[in-house]
C-alpha atoms as a PDB file:
ATOM      1  CA  MET A   1       1.730  40.677 -31.744  1.00  0.00           C
ATOM      2  CA  ALA A   2       0.713  44.109 -33.045  1.00  0.00           C
ATOM      3  CA  GLN A   3       2.878  45.991 -35.501  1.00  0.00           C
ATOM      4  CA  LYS A   4       4.369  49.273 -34.461  1.00  0.00           C
ATOM      5  CA  PRO A   5       2.782  52.328 -36.126  1.00  0.00           C
ATOM      6  CA  TYR A   6       5.962  53.345 -37.947  1.00  0.00           C
ATOM      7  CA  GLN A   7       6.203  49.869 -39.497  1.00  0.00           C
ATOM      8  CA  LYS A   8       2.695  50.215 -40.924  1.00  0.00           C
ATOM      9  CA  THR A   9       3.461  53.613 -42.426  1.00  0.00           C
ATOM     10  CA  LYS A  10       6.777  52.325 -43.780  1.00  0.00           C
ATOM     11  CA  ARG A  11       5.023  49.366 -45.421  1.00  0.00           C
ATOM     12  CA  ARG A  12       2.291  51.648 -46.774  1.00  0.00           C
ATOM     13  CA  ARG A  13       4.907  53.997 -48.261  1.00  0.00           C
ATOM     14  CA  LEU A  14       6.738  51.072 -49.823  1.00  0.00           C
ATOM     15  CA  ASN A  15       3.489  49.792 -51.352  1.00  0.00           C
ATOM     16  CA  LEU A  16       2.656  53.231 -52.723  1.00  0.00           C
ATOM     17  CA  LEU A  17       6.167  53.591 -54.124  1.00  0.00           C
ATOM     18  CA  SER A  18       5.987  50.221 -55.869  1.00  0.00           C
ATOM     19  CA  ILE A  19       2.576  51.063 -57.332  1.00  0.00           C
ATOM     20  CA  ALA A  20       3.883  54.426 -58.535  1.00  0.00           C
ATOM     21  CA  ILE A  21       6.932  52.823 -60.177  1.00  0.00           C
ATOM     22  CA  CYS A  22       4.811  50.176 -61.906  1.00  0.00           C
ATOM     23  CA  SER A  23       2.364  52.823 -63.129  1.00  0.00           C
ATOM     24  CA  PHE A  24       5.216  54.974 -64.427  1.00  0.00           C
ATOM     25  CA  LEU A  25       6.764  52.059 -66.300  1.00  0.00           C
ATOM     26  CA  ALA A  26       3.386  51.121 -67.776  1.00  0.00           C
ATOM     27  CA  LEU A  27       2.850  54.700 -68.997  1.00  0.00           C
ATOM     28  CA  ILE A  28       6.298  54.764 -70.593  1.00  0.00           C
ATOM     29  CA  GLN A  29       5.615  51.461 -72.311  1.00  0.00           C
ATOM     30  CA  ILE A  30       2.261  52.671 -73.623  1.00  0.00           C
ATOM     31  CA  ALA A  31       3.847  55.882 -74.888  1.00  0.00           C
ATOM     32  CA  LEU A  32       6.587  53.954 -76.678  1.00  0.00           C
ATOM     33  CA  VAL A  33       4.126  51.584 -78.309  1.00  0.00           C
ATOM     34  CA  VAL A  34       1.890  54.419 -79.484  1.00  0.00           C
ATOM     35  CA  ALA A  35       4.787  56.489 -80.841  1.00  0.00           C
ATOM     36  CA  ALA A  36       6.702  53.663 -82.496  1.00  0.00           C
ATOM     37  CA  THR A  37       6.405  52.548 -86.065  1.00  0.00           C
ATOM     38  CA  ASP A  38       7.236  48.989 -87.097  1.00  0.00           C
ATOM     39  CA  ALA A  39      10.845  49.912 -87.890  1.00  0.00           C
ATOM     40  CA  ASP A  40      11.243  51.668 -84.548  1.00  0.00           C
ATOM     41  CA  PHE A  41       9.676  48.716 -82.782  1.00  0.00           C
ATOM     42  CA  GLU A  42      12.139  46.286 -84.392  1.00  0.00           C
ATOM     43  CA  GLU A  43      15.008  48.615 -83.505  1.00  0.00           C
ATOM     44  CA  ILE A  44      13.878  48.670 -79.875  1.00  0.00           C
ATOM     45  CA  LEU A  45      13.319  44.914 -79.757  1.00  0.00           C
ATOM     46  CA  GLU A  46      16.723  43.925 -81.129  1.00  0.00           C
ATOM     47  CA  PRO A  47      18.799  44.703 -77.981  1.00  0.00           C
ATOM     48  CA  LEU A  48      16.023  43.337 -75.768  1.00  0.00           C
ATOM     49  CA  THR A  49      16.108  40.075 -77.690  1.00  0.00           C
ATOM     50  CA  VAL A  50      19.867  39.825 -77.173  1.00  0.00           C
ATOM     51  CA  ILE A  51      19.438  40.437 -73.433  1.00  0.00           C
ATOM     52  CA  TYR A  52      16.604  37.906 -73.246  1.00  0.00           C
ATOM     53  CA  ASP A  53      18.692  35.275 -75.015  1.00  0.00           C
ATOM     54  CA  LEU A  54      21.591  35.893 -72.625  1.00  0.00           C
ATOM     55  CA  ILE A  55      19.304  35.506 -69.609  1.00  0.00           C
ATOM     56  CA  LYS A  56      17.641  32.437 -71.122  1.00  0.00           C
ATOM     57  CA  TYR A  57      20.916  30.603 -71.690  1.00  0.00           C
ATOM     58  CA  ALA A  58      22.344  31.663 -68.320  1.00  0.00           C
ATOM     59  CA  ALA A  59      19.191  30.406 -66.584  1.00  0.00           C
ATOM     60  CA  THR A  60      19.496  27.131 -68.482  1.00  0.00           C
ATOM     61  CA  ILE A  61      23.062  26.662 -67.254  1.00  0.00           C
ATOM     62  CA  VAL A  62      22.094  27.505 -63.676  1.00  0.00           C
ATOM     63  CA  SER A  63      19.111  25.159 -63.871  1.00  0.00           C
ATOM     64  CA  GLY A  64      21.406  22.367 -65.031  1.00  0.00           C
ATOM     65  CA  LEU A  65      23.555  22.924 -61.952  1.00  0.00           C
ATOM     66  CA  VAL A  66      20.482  22.956 -59.706  1.00  0.00           C
ATOM     67  CA  MET A  67      19.268  19.724 -61.312  1.00  0.00           C
ATOM     68  CA  LEU A  68      22.672  18.177 -60.623  1.00  0.00           C
ATOM     69  CA  PHE A  69      22.477  19.318 -57.007  1.00  0.00           C
ATOM     70  CA  ALA A  70      18.922  17.960 -56.710  1.00  0.00           C
ATOM     71  CA  GLY A  71      20.018  14.623 -58.132  1.00  0.00           C
ATOM     72  CA  ILE A  72      22.901  14.386 -55.686  1.00  0.00           C
ATOM     73  CA  THR A  73      20.565  15.344 -52.838  1.00  0.00           C
ATOM     74  CA  TYR A  74      18.099  12.655 -53.926  1.00  0.00           C
ATOM     75  CA  ILE A  75      20.775  10.000 -54.174  1.00  0.00           C
ATOM     76  CA  THR A  76      22.346  10.856 -50.810  1.00  0.00           C
ATOM     77  CA  SER A  77      19.015  11.260 -48.999  1.00  0.00           C
ATOM     78  CA  GLY A  78      19.059   7.664 -47.842  1.00  0.00           C
ATOM     79  CA  SER A  79      15.954   6.981 -45.805  1.00  0.00           C
ATOM     80  CA  ASP A  80      15.183  10.653 -45.073  1.00  0.00           C
ATOM     81  CA  PRO A  81      11.837  11.372 -46.791  1.00  0.00           C
ATOM     82  CA  GLY A  82      12.195  15.113 -46.165  1.00  0.00           C
ATOM     83  CA  LYS A  83      15.385  15.377 -48.235  1.00  0.00           C
ATOM     84  CA  ARG A  84      13.918  13.166 -50.928  1.00  0.00           C
ATOM     85  CA  GLU A  85      10.791  15.348 -51.182  1.00  0.00           C
ATOM     86  CA  LYS A  86      12.922  18.493 -51.232  1.00  0.00           C
ATOM     87  CA  ALA A  87      14.963  17.109 -54.138  1.00  0.00           C
ATOM     88  CA  LYS A  88      11.805  16.159 -56.050  1.00  0.00           C
ATOM     89  CA  ASN A  89      10.394  19.655 -55.535  1.00  0.00           C
ATOM     90  CA  MET A  90      13.647  21.212 -56.753  1.00  0.00           C
ATOM     91  CA  VAL A  91      13.482  19.205 -59.968  1.00  0.00           C
ATOM     92  CA  MET A  92       9.827  20.094 -60.489  1.00  0.00           C
ATOM     93  CA  TYR A  93      10.429  23.825 -59.944  1.00  0.00           C
ATOM     94  CA  VAL A  94      13.431  23.832 -62.265  1.00  0.00           C
ATOM     95  CA  ILE A  95      11.448  22.128 -65.034  1.00  0.00           C
ATOM     96  CA  VAL A  96       8.519  24.523 -64.629  1.00  0.00           C
ATOM     97  CA  GLY A  97      10.891  27.509 -64.611  1.00  0.00           C
ATOM     98  CA  LEU A  98      12.620  26.338 -67.768  1.00  0.00           C
ATOM     99  CA  MET A  99       9.282  25.804 -69.478  1.00  0.00           C
ATOM    100  CA  VAL A 100       8.238  29.363 -68.617  1.00  0.00           C
ATOM    101  CA  ILE A 101      11.543  30.874 -69.755  1.00  0.00           C
ATOM    102  CA  TRP A 102      11.689  28.964 -73.037  1.00  0.00           C
ATOM    103  CA  ALA A 103       7.971  29.284 -73.858  1.00  0.00           C
ATOM    104  CA  ALA A 104       7.742  33.033 -73.235  1.00  0.00           C
ATOM    105  CA  PRO A 105       8.603  34.136 -76.808  1.00  0.00           C
ATOM    106  CA  PHE A 106       6.098  31.696 -78.266  1.00  0.00           C
ATOM    107  CA  VAL A 107       3.353  33.011 -75.984  1.00  0.00           C
ATOM    108  CA  VAL A 108       4.215  36.611 -76.894  1.00  0.00           C
ATOM    109  CA  ASN A 109       4.164  35.779 -80.617  1.00  0.00           C
ATOM    110  CA  LEU A 110       0.847  33.995 -80.167  1.00  0.00           C
ATOM    111  CA  ILE A 111      -0.672  37.019 -78.437  1.00  0.00           C
ATOM    112  CA  LEU A 112       0.747  39.574 -80.873  1.00  0.00           C
ATOM    113  CA  GLY A 113      -0.365  37.497 -83.829  1.00  0.00           C
END
């Protein structure tokens, strides 16, 4: 089924807008890094670290609830292999997500030296 012409232009505009926003944010970040001294950089990073920690701990709590739900789904799946596979996938995705969230600062420190 062919898309209507206005849908293509709408999608194209949305793509251009997202590219423009990403480019703008990248330019701002580059300007801040170039203009900042070490003291300024630490001053900028302090509130971001607090926000990151809040998100990290909130995501850990939510992931614990999702793991509980996945465990209950696995236990109550009975002989339904679809539910059992869905529960296994939930657990795997939660573990991978937690690894990414908790390892992010170590990767950043490794890259920045």
